[in-house]
PDB file of all heavy atoms in Angstrom:
ATOM      1  N   SER A   1       0.846  -1.169  -0.024  1.00  0.00           N
ATOM      2  CA  SER A   1      -0.053  -0.047  -0.033  1.00  0.00           C
ATOM      3  C   SER A   1       0.890   1.220  -0.016  1.00  0.00           C
ATOM      4  O   SER A   1       1.779   1.332   0.774  1.00  0.00           O
ATOM      5  CB  SER A   1      -0.908   0.056   1.260  1.00  0.00           C
ATOM      6  OG  SER A   1      -1.712   1.193   1.312  1.00  0.00           O
ATOM      7  N   ILE A   2       0.619   2.165  -0.859  1.00  0.00           N
ATOM      8  CA  ILE A   2       1.394   3.418  -0.943  1.00  0.00           C
ATOM      9  C   ILE A   2       0.444   4.613  -1.026  1.00  0.00           C
ATOM     10  O   ILE A   2      -0.710   4.480  -1.486  1.00  0.00           O
ATOM     11  CB  ILE A   2       2.336   3.369  -2.213  1.00  0.00           C
ATOM     12  CG1 ILE A   2       1.508   3.247  -3.481  1.00  0.00           C
ATOM     13  CG2 ILE A   2       3.422   2.341  -2.064  1.00  0.00           C
ATOM     14  CD1 ILE A   2       2.404   3.313  -4.748  1.00  0.00           C
ATOM     15  N   GLY A   3       0.943   5.754  -0.643  1.00  0.00           N
ATOM     16  CA  GLY A   3       0.144   6.943  -0.698  1.00  0.00           C
ATOM     17  C   GLY A   3       0.711   8.086   0.017  1.00  0.00           C
ATOM     18  O   GLY A   3       1.754   7.898   0.763  1.00  0.00           O
ATOM     19  N   GLY A   4       0.117   9.220  -0.108  1.00  0.00           N
ATOM     20  CA  GLY A   4       0.513  10.403   0.570  1.00  0.00           C
ATOM     21  C   GLY A   4      -0.050  11.641   0.001  1.00  0.00           C
ATOM     22  O   GLY A   4      -1.135  11.617  -0.732  1.00  0.00           O
ATOM     23  N   PHE A   5       0.596  12.818   0.174  1.00  0.00           N
ATOM     24  CA  PHE A   5       0.040  14.126  -0.168  1.00  0.00           C
ATOM     25  C   PHE A   5       1.160  14.914  -0.930  1.00  0.00           C
ATOM     26  O   PHE A   5       2.320  14.894  -0.457  1.00  0.00           O
ATOM     27  CB  PHE A   5      -0.361  14.893   0.992  1.00  0.00           C
ATOM     28  CG  PHE A   5      -1.394  14.171   1.817  1.00  0.00           C
ATOM     29  CD1 PHE A   5      -1.042  13.260   2.820  1.00  0.00           C
ATOM     30  CD2 PHE A   5      -2.719  14.473   1.646  1.00  0.00           C
ATOM     31  CE1 PHE A   5      -1.932  12.643   3.636  1.00  0.00           C
ATOM     32  CE2 PHE A   5      -3.705  13.751   2.474  1.00  0.00           C
ATOM     33  CZ  PHE A   5      -3.246  12.853   3.416  1.00  0.00           C
ATOM     34  N   GLY A   6       0.775  15.482  -1.993  1.00  0.00           N
ATOM     35  CA  GLY A   6       1.660  16.442  -2.708  1.00  0.00           C
ATOM     36  C   GLY A   6       1.132  17.887  -2.612  1.00  0.00           C
ATOM     37  O   GLY A   6       0.054  18.079  -2.925  1.00  0.00           O
ATOM     38  N   VAL A   7       1.944  18.718  -2.047  1.00  0.00           N
ATOM     39  CA  VAL A   7       1.519  20.130  -1.793  1.00  0.00           C
ATOM     40  C   VAL A   7       2.276  21.027  -2.692  1.00  0.00           C
ATOM     41  O   VAL A   7       3.517  21.007  -2.643  1.00  0.00           O
ATOM     42  CB  VAL A   7       1.697  20.539  -0.376  1.00  0.00           C
ATOM     43  CG1 VAL A   7       1.298  22.007  -0.159  1.00  0.00           C
ATOM     44  CG2 VAL A   7       0.960  19.661   0.601  1.00  0.00           C
ATOM     45  N   ARG A   8       1.585  21.760  -3.514  1.00  0.00           N
ATOM     46  CA  ARG A   8       2.251  22.758  -4.473  1.00  0.00           C
ATOM     47  C   ARG A   8       1.607  24.085  -4.245  1.00  0.00           C
ATOM     48  O   ARG A   8       0.400  24.232  -4.302  1.00  0.00           O
ATOM     49  CB  ARG A   8       2.144  22.321  -5.873  1.00  0.00           C
ATOM     50  CG  ARG A   8       3.095  23.070  -6.887  1.00  0.00           C
ATOM     51  CD  ARG A   8       3.048  22.594  -8.235  1.00  0.00           C
ATOM     52  NE  ARG A   8       1.824  22.657  -8.979  1.00  0.00           N
ATOM     53  CZ  ARG A   8       1.678  22.783 -10.272  1.00  0.00           C
ATOM     54  NH1 ARG A   8       2.828  22.828 -11.012  1.00  0.00           N
ATOM     55  NH2 ARG A   8       0.506  22.889 -10.839  1.00  0.00           N
ATOM     56  N   VAL A   9       2.461  25.114  -4.116  1.00  0.00           N
ATOM     57  CA  VAL A   9       1.968  26.461  -3.861  1.00  0.00           C
ATOM     58  C   VAL A   9       2.732  27.469  -4.878  1.00  0.00           C
ATOM     59  O   VAL A   9       3.823  27.221  -5.218  1.00  0.00           O
ATOM     60  CB  VAL A   9       2.186  26.962  -2.467  1.00  0.00           C
ATOM     61  CG1 VAL A   9       1.428  25.952  -1.450  1.00  0.00           C
ATOM     62  CG2 VAL A   9       3.508  27.175  -2.058  1.00  0.00           C
ATOM     63  N   LEU A  10       1.987  28.521  -5.154  1.00  0.00           N
ATOM     64  CA  LEU A  10       2.595  29.587  -5.927  1.00  0.00           C
ATOM     65  C   LEU A  10       2.712  30.818  -5.085  1.00  0.00           C
ATOM     66  O   LEU A  10       1.628  31.325  -4.663  1.00  0.00           O
ATOM     67  CB  LEU A  10       1.816  29.865  -7.221  1.00  0.00           C
ATOM     68  CG  LEU A  10       2.314  30.940  -8.220  1.00  0.00           C
ATOM     69  CD1 LEU A  10       3.659  30.511  -8.760  1.00  0.00           C
ATOM     70  CD2 LEU A  10       1.281  31.119  -9.312  1.00  0.00           C
ATOM     71  N   ALA A  11       3.852  31.275  -4.779  1.00  0.00           N
ATOM     72  CA  ALA A  11       4.094  32.503  -4.027  1.00  0.00           C
ATOM     73  C   ALA A  11       5.246  33.244  -4.554  1.00  0.00           C
ATOM     74  O   ALA A  11       6.245  32.659  -4.956  1.00  0.00           O
ATOM     75  CB  ALA A  11       4.316  32.134  -2.476  1.00  0.00           C
ATOM     76  N   ASN A  12       5.067  34.608  -4.592  1.00  0.00           N
ATOM     77  CA  ASN A  12       6.210  35.367  -5.089  1.00  0.00           C
ATOM     78  C   ASN A  12       6.592  35.046  -6.494  1.00  0.00           C
ATOM     79  O   ASN A  12       7.757  35.197  -6.904  1.00  0.00           O
ATOM     80  CB  ASN A  12       7.457  35.267  -4.099  1.00  0.00           C
ATOM     81  CG  ASN A  12       8.402  36.444  -4.288  1.00  0.00           C
ATOM     82  OD1 ASN A  12       8.002  37.586  -4.570  1.00  0.00           O
ATOM     83  ND2 ASN A  12       9.719  36.202  -4.152  1.00  0.00           N
ATOM     84  N   GLY A  13       5.555  34.539  -7.252  1.00  0.00           N
ATOM     85  CA  GLY A  13       5.806  34.225  -8.589  1.00  0.00           C
ATOM     86  C   GLY A  13       6.647  32.926  -8.825  1.00  0.00           C
ATOM     87  O   GLY A  13       7.099  32.723  -9.954  1.00  0.00           O
ATOM     88  N   SER A  14       6.818  32.170  -7.805  1.00  0.00           N
ATOM     89  CA  SER A  14       7.572  30.900  -7.897  1.00  0.00           C
ATOM     90  C   SER A  14       6.801  29.734  -7.291  1.00  0.00           C
ATOM     91  O   SER A  14       6.010  29.936  -6.403  1.00  0.00           O
ATOM     92  CB  SER A  14       8.930  31.060  -7.173  1.00  0.00           C
ATOM     93  OG  SER A  14       9.727  32.000  -7.814  1.00  0.00           O
ATOM     94  N   TRP A  15       7.155  28.558  -7.717  1.00  0.00           N
ATOM     95  CA  TRP A  15       6.604  27.307  -7.209  1.00  0.00           C
ATOM     96  C   TRP A  15       7.325  26.833  -5.956  1.00  0.00           C
ATOM     97  O   TRP A  15       8.556  26.858  -5.973  1.00  0.00           O
ATOM     98  CB  TRP A  15       6.600  26.264  -8.299  1.00  0.00           C
ATOM     99  CG  TRP A  15       5.595  26.409  -9.419  1.00  0.00           C
ATOM    100  CD1 TRP A  15       5.964  26.630 -10.741  1.00  0.00           C
ATOM    101  CD2 TRP A  15       4.180  26.375  -9.371  1.00  0.00           C
ATOM    102  NE1 TRP A  15       4.746  26.731 -11.524  1.00  0.00           N
ATOM    103  CE2 TRP A  15       3.741  26.579 -10.629  1.00  0.00           C
ATOM    104  CE3 TRP A  15       3.245  26.187  -8.329  1.00  0.00           C
ATOM    105  CZ2 TRP A  15       2.346  26.570 -10.912  1.00  0.00           C
ATOM    106  CZ3 TRP A  15       1.924  26.232  -8.606  1.00  0.00           C
ATOM    107  CH2 TRP A  15       1.430  26.384  -9.881  1.00  0.00           C
ATOM    108  N   GLY A  16       6.586  26.243  -5.071  1.00  0.00           N
ATOM    109  CA  GLY A  16       7.143  25.509  -4.002  1.00  0.00           C
ATOM    110  C   GLY A  16       6.439  24.138  -3.895  1.00  0.00           C
ATOM    111  O   GLY A  16       5.187  24.120  -3.951  1.00  0.00           O
ATOM    112  N   PHE A  17       7.121  23.052  -3.767  1.00  0.00           N
ATOM    113  CA  PHE A  17       6.532  21.696  -3.763  1.00  0.00           C
ATOM    114  C   PHE A  17       7.119  20.870  -2.688  1.00  0.00           C
ATOM    115  O   PHE A  17       8.371  20.797  -2.631  1.00  0.00           O
ATOM    116  CB  PHE A  17       6.661  21.091  -5.106  1.00  0.00           C
ATOM    117  CG  PHE A  17       6.019  19.679  -5.140  1.00  0.00           C
ATOM    118  CD1 PHE A  17       4.691  19.428  -5.262  1.00  0.00           C
ATOM    119  CD2 PHE A  17       6.916  18.559  -5.091  1.00  0.00           C
ATOM    120  CE1 PHE A  17       4.142  18.167  -5.227  1.00  0.00           C
ATOM    121  CE2 PHE A  17       6.495  17.276  -4.988  1.00  0.00           C
ATOM    122  CZ  PHE A  17       5.065  17.053  -5.105  1.00  0.00           C
ATOM    123  N   VAL A  18       6.227  20.202  -1.949  1.00  0.00           N
ATOM    124  CA  VAL A  18       6.695  19.247  -0.947  1.00  0.00           C
ATOM    125  C   VAL A  18       5.745  18.067  -0.896  1.00  0.00           C
ATOM    126  O   VAL A  18       4.507  18.282  -0.964  1.00  0.00           O
ATOM    127  CB  VAL A  18       6.698  19.895   0.444  1.00  0.00           C
ATOM    128  CG1 VAL A  18       7.108  18.815   1.513  1.00  0.00           C
ATOM    129  CG2 VAL A  18       7.761  21.009   0.544  1.00  0.00           C
ATOM    130  N   SER A  19       6.183  16.857  -0.801  1.00  0.00           N
ATOM    131  CA  SER A  19       5.392  15.659  -0.632  1.00  0.00           C
ATOM    132  C   SER A  19       5.642  14.956   0.695  1.00  0.00           C
ATOM    133  O   SER A  19       6.783  14.947   1.108  1.00  0.00           O
ATOM    134  CB  SER A  19       5.597  14.664  -1.783  1.00  0.00           C
ATOM    135  OG  SER A  19       6.855  14.148  -1.790  1.00  0.00           O
ATOM    136  N   VAL A  20       4.553  14.440   1.280  1.00  0.00           N
ATOM    137  CA  VAL A  20       4.707  13.696   2.544  1.00  0.00           C
ATOM    138  C   VAL A  20       3.810  12.432   2.482  1.00  0.00           C
ATOM    139  O   VAL A  20       2.834  12.391   1.705  1.00  0.00           O
ATOM    140  CB  VAL A  20       4.347  14.611   3.761  1.00  0.00           C
ATOM    141  CG1 VAL A  20       5.362  15.702   3.951  1.00  0.00           C
ATOM    142  CG2 VAL A  20       2.925  15.140   3.601  1.00  0.00           C
ATOM    143  N   ASN A  21       4.060  11.510   3.316  1.00  0.00           N
ATOM    144  CA  ASN A  21       3.328  10.270   3.302  1.00  0.00           C
ATOM    145  C   ASN A  21       2.226  10.284   4.318  1.00  0.00           C
ATOM    146  O   ASN A  21       1.186   9.554   4.260  1.00  0.00           O
ATOM    147  CB  ASN A  21       4.215   9.061   3.641  1.00  0.00           C
ATOM    148  CG  ASN A  21       5.361   8.944   2.550  1.00  0.00           C
ATOM    149  OD1 ASN A  21       6.503   9.138   2.904  1.00  0.00           O
ATOM    150  ND2 ASN A  21       4.928   8.633   1.325  1.00  0.00           N
ATOM    151  N   SER A  22       2.322  11.169   5.342  1.00  0.00           N
ATOM    152  CA  SER A  22       1.399  11.109   6.497  1.00  0.00           C
ATOM    153  C   SER A  22       0.550  12.397   6.557  1.00  0.00           C
ATOM    154  O   SER A  22       1.077  13.516   6.351  1.00  0.00           O
ATOM    155  CB  SER A  22       2.084  10.876   7.756  1.00  0.00           C
ATOM    156  OG  SER A  22       1.303  11.071   8.892  1.00  0.00           O
ATOM    157  N   ARG A  23      -0.756  12.237   6.925  1.00  0.00           N
ATOM    158  CA  ARG A  23      -1.580  13.398   7.154  1.00  0.00           C
ATOM    159  C   ARG A  23      -1.082  14.269   8.297  1.00  0.00           C
ATOM    160  O   ARG A  23      -1.154  15.481   8.299  1.00  0.00           O
ATOM    161  CB  ARG A  23      -3.027  12.994   7.494  1.00  0.00           C
ATOM    162  CG  ARG A  23      -4.065  14.051   7.541  1.00  0.00           C
ATOM    163  CD  ARG A  23      -5.437  13.546   7.756  1.00  0.00           C
ATOM    164  NE  ARG A  23      -5.842  12.656   6.676  1.00  0.00           N
ATOM    165  CZ  ARG A  23      -6.519  13.107   5.582  1.00  0.00           C
ATOM    166  NH1 ARG A  23      -6.719  14.424   5.498  1.00  0.00           N
ATOM    167  NH2 ARG A  23      -6.856  12.280   4.699  1.00  0.00           N
ATOM    168  N   GLU A  24      -0.406  13.614   9.223  1.00  0.00           N
ATOM    169  CA  GLU A  24       0.171  14.422  10.363  1.00  0.00           C
ATOM    170  C   GLU A  24       1.228  15.429   9.943  1.00  0.00           C
ATOM    171  O   GLU A  24       1.534  16.270  10.671  1.00  0.00           O
ATOM    172  CB  GLU A  24       0.753  13.356  11.468  1.00  0.00           C
ATOM    173  CG  GLU A  24      -0.293  12.670  12.236  1.00  0.00           C
ATOM    174  CD  GLU A  24      -1.023  11.653  11.460  1.00  0.00           C
ATOM    175  OE1 GLU A  24      -0.475  11.149  10.450  1.00  0.00           O
ATOM    176  OE2 GLU A  24      -2.212  11.329  11.792  1.00  0.00           O
ATOM    177  N   ASP A  25       1.916  15.083   8.730  1.00  0.00           N
ATOM    178  CA  ASP A  25       2.935  15.929   8.286  1.00  0.00           C
ATOM    179  C   ASP A  25       2.425  17.030   7.305  1.00  0.00           C
ATOM    180  O   ASP A  25       3.255  17.791   6.771  1.00  0.00           O
ATOM    181  CB  ASP A  25       4.005  15.138   7.650  1.00  0.00           C
ATOM    182  CG  ASP A  25       4.760  14.171   8.551  1.00  0.00           C
ATOM    183  OD1 ASP A  25       4.887  14.646   9.754  1.00  0.00           O
ATOM    184  OD2 ASP A  25       5.112  13.129   8.142  1.00  0.00           O
ATOM    185  N   LEU A  26       1.130  17.131   7.100  1.00  0.00           N
ATOM    186  CA  LEU A  26       0.602  17.907   6.086  1.00  0.00           C
ATOM    187  C   LEU A  26       0.810  19.476   6.434  1.00  0.00           C
ATOM    188  O   LEU A  26       1.152  20.231   5.515  1.00  0.00           O
ATOM    189  CB  LEU A  26      -0.889  17.624   5.906  1.00  0.00           C
ATOM    190  CG  LEU A  26      -1.608  18.129   4.609  1.00  0.00           C
ATOM    191  CD1 LEU A  26      -0.809  17.856   3.395  1.00  0.00           C
ATOM    192  CD2 LEU A  26      -2.984  17.564   4.588  1.00  0.00           C
ATOM    193  N   GLU A  27       0.594  19.783   7.635  1.00  0.00           N
ATOM    194  CA  GLU A  27       0.816  21.132   8.084  1.00  0.00           C
ATOM    195  C   GLU A  27       2.181  21.660   7.894  1.00  0.00           C
ATOM    196  O   GLU A  27       2.443  22.687   7.345  1.00  0.00           O
ATOM    197  CB  GLU A  27       0.393  21.382   9.524  1.00  0.00           C
ATOM    198  CG  GLU A  27       0.443  22.833   9.999  1.00  0.00           C
ATOM    199  CD  GLU A  27      -0.073  22.925  11.430  1.00  0.00           C
ATOM    200  OE1 GLU A  27      -0.626  21.971  11.984  1.00  0.00           O
ATOM    201  OE2 GLU A  27       0.196  23.984  11.977  1.00  0.00           O
ATOM    202  N   TRP A  28       3.114  20.712   8.268  1.00  0.00           N
ATOM    203  CA  TRP A  28       4.545  21.122   7.954  1.00  0.00           C
ATOM    204  C   TRP A  28       4.854  21.206   6.483  1.00  0.00           C
ATOM    205  O   TRP A  28       5.576  22.185   6.112  1.00  0.00           O
ATOM    206  CB  TRP A  28       5.445  19.931   8.616  1.00  0.00           C
ATOM    207  CG  TRP A  28       6.906  20.076   8.179  1.00  0.00           C
ATOM    208  CD1 TRP A  28       7.821  20.774   8.812  1.00  0.00           C
ATOM    209  CD2 TRP A  28       7.567  19.494   7.044  1.00  0.00           C
ATOM    210  NE1 TRP A  28       9.058  20.763   8.178  1.00  0.00           N
ATOM    211  CE2 TRP A  28       8.885  19.957   7.046  1.00  0.00           C
ATOM    212  CE3 TRP A  28       7.110  18.689   6.022  1.00  0.00           C
ATOM    213  CZ2 TRP A  28       9.810  19.566   6.075  1.00  0.00           C
ATOM    214  CZ3 TRP A  28       8.005  18.313   5.071  1.00  0.00           C
ATOM    215  CH2 TRP A  28       9.333  18.737   5.111  1.00  0.00           C
ATOM    216  N   ALA A  29       4.287  20.357   5.668  1.00  0.00           N
ATOM    217  CA  ALA A  29       4.478  20.402   4.292  1.00  0.00           C
ATOM    218  C   ALA A  29       4.022  21.699   3.577  1.00  0.00           C
ATOM    219  O   ALA A  29       4.671  22.252   2.764  1.00  0.00           O
ATOM    220  CB  ALA A  29       3.803  19.214   3.598  1.00  0.00           C
ATOM    221  N   VAL A  30       2.885  22.166   4.053  1.00  0.00           N
ATOM    222  CA  VAL A  30       2.381  23.503   3.554  1.00  0.00           C
ATOM    223  C   VAL A  30       3.314  24.550   3.880  1.00  0.00           C
ATOM    224  O   VAL A  30       3.663  25.374   3.051  1.00  0.00           O
ATOM    225  CB  VAL A  30       1.008  23.763   4.190  1.00  0.00           C
ATOM    226  CG1 VAL A  30       0.505  25.151   3.780  1.00  0.00           C
ATOM    227  CG2 VAL A  30       0.022  22.725   3.598  1.00  0.00           C
ATOM    228  N   GLY A  31       3.753  24.643   5.146  1.00  0.00           N
ATOM    229  CA  GLY A  31       4.735  25.730   5.582  1.00  0.00           C
ATOM    230  C   GLY A  31       5.944  25.704   4.773  1.00  0.00           C
ATOM    231  O   GLY A  31       6.535  26.698   4.344  1.00  0.00           O
ATOM    232  N   LYS A  32       6.512  24.432   4.592  1.00  0.00           N
ATOM    233  CA  LYS A  32       7.767  24.288   3.913  1.00  0.00           C
ATOM    234  C   LYS A  32       7.585  24.744   2.378  1.00  0.00           C
ATOM    235  O   LYS A  32       8.490  25.355   1.832  1.00  0.00           O
ATOM    236  CB  LYS A  32       8.225  22.812   3.961  1.00  0.00           C
ATOM    237  CG  LYS A  32       9.547  22.535   3.335  1.00  0.00           C
ATOM    238  CD  LYS A  32      10.686  23.159   4.055  1.00  0.00           C
ATOM    239  CE  LYS A  32      12.014  22.794   3.483  1.00  0.00           C
ATOM    240  NZ  LYS A  32      13.197  23.345   4.146  1.00  0.00           N
ATOM    241  N   ALA A  33       6.433  24.350   1.796  1.00  0.00           N
ATOM    242  CA  ALA A  33       6.280  24.641   0.356  1.00  0.00           C
ATOM    243  C   ALA A  33       6.247  26.195   0.133  1.00  0.00           C
ATOM    244  O   ALA A  33       6.789  26.692  -0.870  1.00  0.00           O
ATOM    245  CB  ALA A  33       4.992  23.934  -0.141  1.00  0.00           C
ATOM    246  N   VAL A  34       5.557  26.867   1.062  1.00  0.00           N
ATOM    247  CA  VAL A  34       5.431  28.269   0.968  1.00  0.00           C
ATOM    248  C   VAL A  34       6.847  28.947   1.126  1.00  0.00           C
ATOM    249  O   VAL A  34       7.234  29.815   0.379  1.00  0.00           O
ATOM    250  CB  VAL A  34       4.516  28.869   1.978  1.00  0.00           C
ATOM    251  CG1 VAL A  34       4.551  30.418   2.041  1.00  0.00           C
ATOM    252  CG2 VAL A  34       3.033  28.391   1.775  1.00  0.00           C
ATOM    253  N   LYS A  35       7.607  28.457   2.024  1.00  0.00           N
ATOM    254  CA  LYS A  35       8.959  28.916   2.275  1.00  0.00           C
ATOM    255  C   LYS A  35       9.870  28.750   0.944  1.00  0.00           C
ATOM    256  O   LYS A  35      10.623  29.608   0.573  1.00  0.00           O
ATOM    257  CB  LYS A  35       9.684  28.341   3.483  1.00  0.00           C
ATOM    258  CG  LYS A  35       9.100  28.682   4.785  1.00  0.00           C
ATOM    259  CD  LYS A  35       9.793  28.054   5.944  1.00  0.00           C
ATOM    260  CE  LYS A  35       9.279  28.538   7.268  1.00  0.00           C
ATOM    261  NZ  LYS A  35       9.927  27.788   8.400  1.00  0.00           N
ATOM    262  N   LEU A  36       9.687  27.516   0.401  1.00  0.00           N
ATOM    263  CA  LEU A  36      10.528  27.237  -0.826  1.00  0.00           C
ATOM    264  C   LEU A  36      10.030  28.178  -1.946  1.00  0.00           C
ATOM    265  O   LEU A  36      10.928  28.656  -2.682  1.00  0.00           O
ATOM    266  CB  LEU A  36      10.297  25.789  -1.232  1.00  0.00           C
ATOM    267  CG  LEU A  36      10.913  24.769  -0.363  1.00  0.00           C
ATOM    268  CD1 LEU A  36      10.426  23.363  -0.764  1.00  0.00           C
ATOM    269  CD2 LEU A  36      12.410  24.840  -0.282  1.00  0.00           C
ATOM    270  N   ALA A  37       8.788  28.467  -2.084  1.00  0.00           N
ATOM    271  CA  ALA A  37       8.385  29.323  -3.144  1.00  0.00           C
ATOM    272  C   ALA A  37       8.808  30.827  -2.936  1.00  0.00           C
ATOM    273  O   ALA A  37       9.234  31.449  -3.974  1.00  0.00           O
ATOM    274  CB  ALA A  37       6.812  29.337  -3.242  1.00  0.00           C
ATOM    275  N   ARG A  38       8.849  31.200  -1.655  1.00  0.00           N
ATOM    276  CA  ARG A  38       9.348  32.619  -1.427  1.00  0.00           C
ATOM    277  C   ARG A  38      10.795  32.857  -1.766  1.00  0.00           C
ATOM    278  O   ARG A  38      11.232  33.983  -1.872  1.00  0.00           O
ATOM    279  CB  ARG A  38       8.961  32.939   0.031  1.00  0.00           C
ATOM    280  CG  ARG A  38       7.565  33.192   0.224  1.00  0.00           C
ATOM    281  CD  ARG A  38       7.221  33.569   1.660  1.00  0.00           C
ATOM    282  NE  ARG A  38       5.900  34.074   1.848  1.00  0.00           N
ATOM    283  CZ  ARG A  38       5.315  34.119   3.020  1.00  0.00           C
ATOM    284  NH1 ARG A  38       5.948  33.787   4.104  1.00  0.00           N
ATOM    285  NH2 ARG A  38       4.038  34.598   3.067  1.00  0.00           N
ATOM    286  N   VAL A  39      11.592  31.785  -1.885  1.00  0.00           N
ATOM    287  CA  VAL A  39      13.001  31.905  -2.181  1.00  0.00           C
ATOM    288  C   VAL A  39      13.246  32.536  -3.501  1.00  0.00           C
ATOM    289  O   VAL A  39      14.172  33.272  -3.706  1.00  0.00           O
ATOM    290  CB  VAL A  39      13.745  30.580  -2.011  1.00  0.00           C
ATOM    291  CG1 VAL A  39      15.182  30.613  -2.532  1.00  0.00           C
ATOM    292  CG2 VAL A  39      13.742  30.074  -0.581  1.00  0.00           C
TER     293      VAL A  39
END
């Protein structure tokens, strides 16, 4: 069994993407994706 979540955001005109396997990590993934996009 495989699965998870892919989070992609557009911020500051750039993409940020993070994937995680657990719903418990979803909040962290969102924050990380936004930080990556802002770079």
